[in-house]
Amino acid sequence: AHWWNSVMMPVGSLIALLGIIELILRCDFLKIFGVASPTRLDGTFDGLAAFAGALSLYGILRYVLHLESGIEFFLIGRSIDMVRFMRFFGLCRDIVKRTGQVLPAVIGPLVLVVTAMHIFTYIGMAIWGGAVHVGMYGEAITPLYDLNNFNTYSAGLVTMFQVLV
């Protein structure tokens, strides 16, 4: 796999640049080419492609400047860009369209549940905060059970999520 490490960034950069050029040509922002793409869907997949292209370019820039995590940003951008190939399948386009119609109806109940989780986390921290000493009980309790606590806000949220599920 050593040969792949030396080829990954140049080949991946070429693919990323070709993907960005394809996005610009397909969207035809300036209406230069006068061609409408039949695979365009209300900007959902095009937005993902633009975000992936920007993230890939940011990763390439960090890699060229020898900064940390350039390859990671690049690979995340390329992974997101793979999602836009779903635009070629009618079923995937229909699912995305239906999700856009259903999502507004789900937001209200979701906000209510998340708000209740936060309120009960604060109540748990006020009542039981600091009561559990993680790792101190050994084999006296079920393994990892002492991680369910309200000692910190993040541990309390995890505990509330486990109760919710």
Protein backbone atom coordinates (compact mmCIF):
# COMPACT_ATOMS: atom_id res chain seq x y z
CA ALA A 1 0.00 0.00 0.00
CA HIS A 2 3.07 2.26 0.05
CA TRP A 3 2.75 3.04 -3.67
CA TRP A 4 -0.83 4.19 -3.09
CA ASN A 5 0.26 6.85 -0.59
CA SER A 6 2.43 8.52 -3.21
CA VAL A 7 -0.29 8.42 -5.89
CA MET A 8 -3.37 9.19 -3.80
CA MET A 9 -3.14 12.98 -3.60
CA PRO A 10 -2.21 13.70 -7.25
CA VAL A 11 -4.86 11.35 -8.67
CA GLY A 12 -7.44 12.41 -6.09
CA SER A 13 -6.72 16.08 -6.76
CA LEU A 14 -7.26 15.55 -10.47
CA ILE A 15 -10.56 13.77 -9.80
CA ALA A 16 -11.64 16.56 -7.42
CA LEU A 17 -10.82 19.27 -9.95
CA LEU A 18 -12.66 17.40 -12.71
CA GLY A 19 -15.66 17.06 -10.39
CA ILE A 20 -15.67 20.79 -9.70
CA ILE A 21 -15.41 21.57 -13.42
CA GLU A 22 -18.29 19.17 -14.09
CA LEU A 23 -20.37 20.91 -11.41
CA ILE A 24 -19.70 24.33 -12.93
CA LEU A 25 -20.57 23.11 -16.44
CA ARG A 26 -23.70 21.27 -15.29
CA CYS A 27 -25.08 24.12 -13.20
CA ASP A 28 -24.24 26.66 -15.91
CA PHE A 29 -24.41 29.58 -13.47
CA LEU A 30 -23.78 32.23 -16.13
CA LYS A 31 -26.05 30.55 -18.70
CA ILE A 32 -23.15 30.42 -21.14
CA PHE A 33 -23.76 26.94 -22.49
CA GLY A 34 -27.58 27.02 -22.55
CA VAL A 35 -27.87 23.38 -21.52
CA ALA A 36 -30.17 22.23 -18.70
CA SER A 37 -29.07 19.10 -16.88
CA PRO A 38 -31.79 16.44 -16.51
CA THR A 39 -30.14 15.13 -13.32
CA ARG A 40 -30.37 18.37 -11.37
CA LEU A 41 -32.61 18.26 -8.29
CA ASP A 42 -33.40 21.56 -6.59
CA GLY A 43 -29.79 22.06 -5.63
CA THR A 44 -29.66 19.25 -3.06
CA PHE A 45 -27.09 17.13 -4.82
CA ASP A 46 -25.46 20.17 -6.40
CA GLY A 47 -25.10 21.71 -2.94
CA LEU A 48 -23.45 18.53 -1.69
CA ALA A 49 -21.12 18.58 -4.68
CA ALA A 50 -20.19 22.23 -4.08
CA PHE A 51 -19.54 21.57 -0.38
CA ALA A 52 -17.48 18.48 -1.21
CA GLY A 53 -15.50 20.38 -3.83
CA ALA A 54 -14.76 23.23 -1.42
CA LEU A 55 -13.72 20.80 1.31
CA SER A 56 -11.51 18.88 -1.13
CA LEU A 57 -9.86 22.08 -2.33
CA TYR A 58 -9.27 23.11 1.29
CA GLY A 59 -7.65 19.72 1.93
CA ILE A 60 -5.49 20.03 -1.18
CA LEU A 61 -4.39 23.51 -0.09
CA ARG A 62 -3.50 22.28 3.41
CA TYR A 63 -1.61 19.33 1.90
CA VAL A 64 0.38 21.55 -0.49
CA LEU A 65 1.26 23.91 2.37
CA HIS A 66 2.37 20.90 4.47
CA LEU A 67 -0.18 21.64 7.18
CA GLU A 68 -1.72 19.03 9.45
CA SER A 69 -4.89 17.15 8.48
CA GLY A 70 -4.80 18.11 4.79
CA ILE A 71 -5.35 14.53 3.68
CA GLU A 72 -8.19 14.08 6.18
CA PHE A 73 -10.10 17.12 4.85
CA PHE A 74 -9.47 15.93 1.32
CA LEU A 75 -10.77 12.41 2.02
CA ILE A 76 -13.87 13.75 3.79
CA GLY A 77 -14.59 15.95 0.78
CA ARG A 78 -14.18 13.05 -1.62
CA SER A 79 -16.45 10.85 0.53
CA ILE A 80 -19.19 13.49 0.52
CA ASP A 81 -18.78 13.87 -3.23
CA MET A 82 -19.55 10.17 -3.71
CA VAL A 83 -23.08 10.83 -2.42
CA ARG A 84 -23.92 13.01 -5.41
CA PHE A 85 -23.76 9.99 -7.72
CA MET A 86 -27.17 9.13 -6.30
CA ARG A 87 -28.60 11.87 -8.56
CA PHE A 88 -28.45 9.40 -11.43
CA PHE A 89 -31.02 7.13 -9.78
CA GLY A 90 -34.67 8.20 -9.83
CA LEU A 91 -35.45 6.41 -6.58
CA CYS A 92 -32.77 8.35 -4.72
CA ARG A 93 -34.02 11.63 -6.19
CA ASP A 94 -37.56 10.76 -5.07
CA ILE A 95 -36.37 9.92 -1.54
CA VAL A 96 -34.54 13.24 -1.25
CA LYS A 97 -37.58 15.11 -2.56
CA ARG A 98 -39.93 13.33 -0.13
CA THR A 99 -37.52 13.94 2.78
CA GLY A 100 -37.61 17.66 1.99
CA GLN A 101 -41.41 17.55 2.24
CA VAL A 102 -41.56 15.54 5.48
CA LEU A 103 -38.70 17.15 7.41
CA PRO A 104 -40.56 20.37 8.36
CA ALA A 105 -43.26 18.31 10.08
CA VAL A 106 -40.67 16.41 12.14
CA ILE A 107 -38.67 19.42 13.35
CA GLY A 108 -41.18 20.47 16.06
CA PRO A 109 -41.37 17.14 17.90
CA LEU A 110 -37.60 16.68 17.56
CA VAL A 111 -36.94 20.07 19.16
CA LEU A 112 -39.34 19.15 21.98
CA VAL A 113 -37.53 15.85 22.69
CA VAL A 114 -34.07 17.44 22.60
CA THR A 115 -35.22 20.27 24.89
CA ALA A 116 -36.66 17.76 27.37
CA MET A 117 -33.36 15.81 27.29
CA HIS A 118 -31.41 18.95 28.15
CA ILE A 119 -33.79 19.93 30.97
CA PHE A 120 -33.68 16.46 32.52
CA THR A 121 -29.89 16.41 32.16
CA TYR A 122 -29.65 19.60 34.22
CA ILE A 123 -32.09 18.18 36.79
CA GLY A 124 -30.02 14.97 36.99
CA MET A 125 -26.83 16.98 37.45
CA ALA A 126 -28.46 18.96 40.28
CA ILE A 127 -29.73 15.83 42.05
CA TRP A 128 -27.08 13.15 41.34
CA GLY A 129 -24.06 15.13 40.10
CA GLY A 130 -20.86 13.63 41.52
CA ALA A 131 -22.64 10.65 43.10
CA VAL A 132 -20.99 8.08 40.82
CA HIS A 133 -17.22 7.62 40.89
CA VAL A 134 -16.28 6.15 37.51
CA GLY A 135 -14.00 3.10 37.67
CA MET A 136 -13.98 2.89 41.45
CA TYR A 137 -16.42 0.03 41.91
CA GLY A 138 -14.47 -2.68 40.07
CA GLU A 139 -16.44 -5.89 39.61
CA ALA A 140 -19.13 -4.89 42.11
CA ILE A 141 -21.35 -3.56 39.32
CA THR A 142 -22.01 -4.41 35.68
CA PRO A 143 -19.03 -3.41 33.51
CA LEU A 144 -19.33 0.13 32.09
CA TYR A 145 -22.52 0.74 34.06
CA ASP A 146 -20.81 3.44 36.10
CA LEU A 147 -20.40 5.47 32.89
CA ASN A 148 -24.14 6.22 33.10
CA ASN A 149 -23.99 9.22 35.39
CA PHE A 150 -24.74 12.90 35.72
CA ASN A 151 -21.25 13.97 36.84
CA THR A 152 -20.77 16.14 33.75
CA TYR A 153 -23.11 17.63 31.18
CA SER A 154 -21.86 15.35 28.38
CA ALA A 155 -22.15 12.22 30.55
CA GLY A 156 -25.65 13.33 31.53
CA LEU A 157 -26.67 13.72 27.88
CA VAL A 158 -25.38 10.24 27.10
CA THR A 159 -27.31 8.85 30.07
CA MET A 160 -30.50 10.63 28.99
CA PHE A 161 -30.08 9.39 25.41
CA GLN A 162 -29.75 5.82 26.69
CA VAL A 163 -32.91 6.28 28.75
CA LEU A 164 -34.69 7.75 25.72
CA VAL A 165 -33.72 4.89 23.45
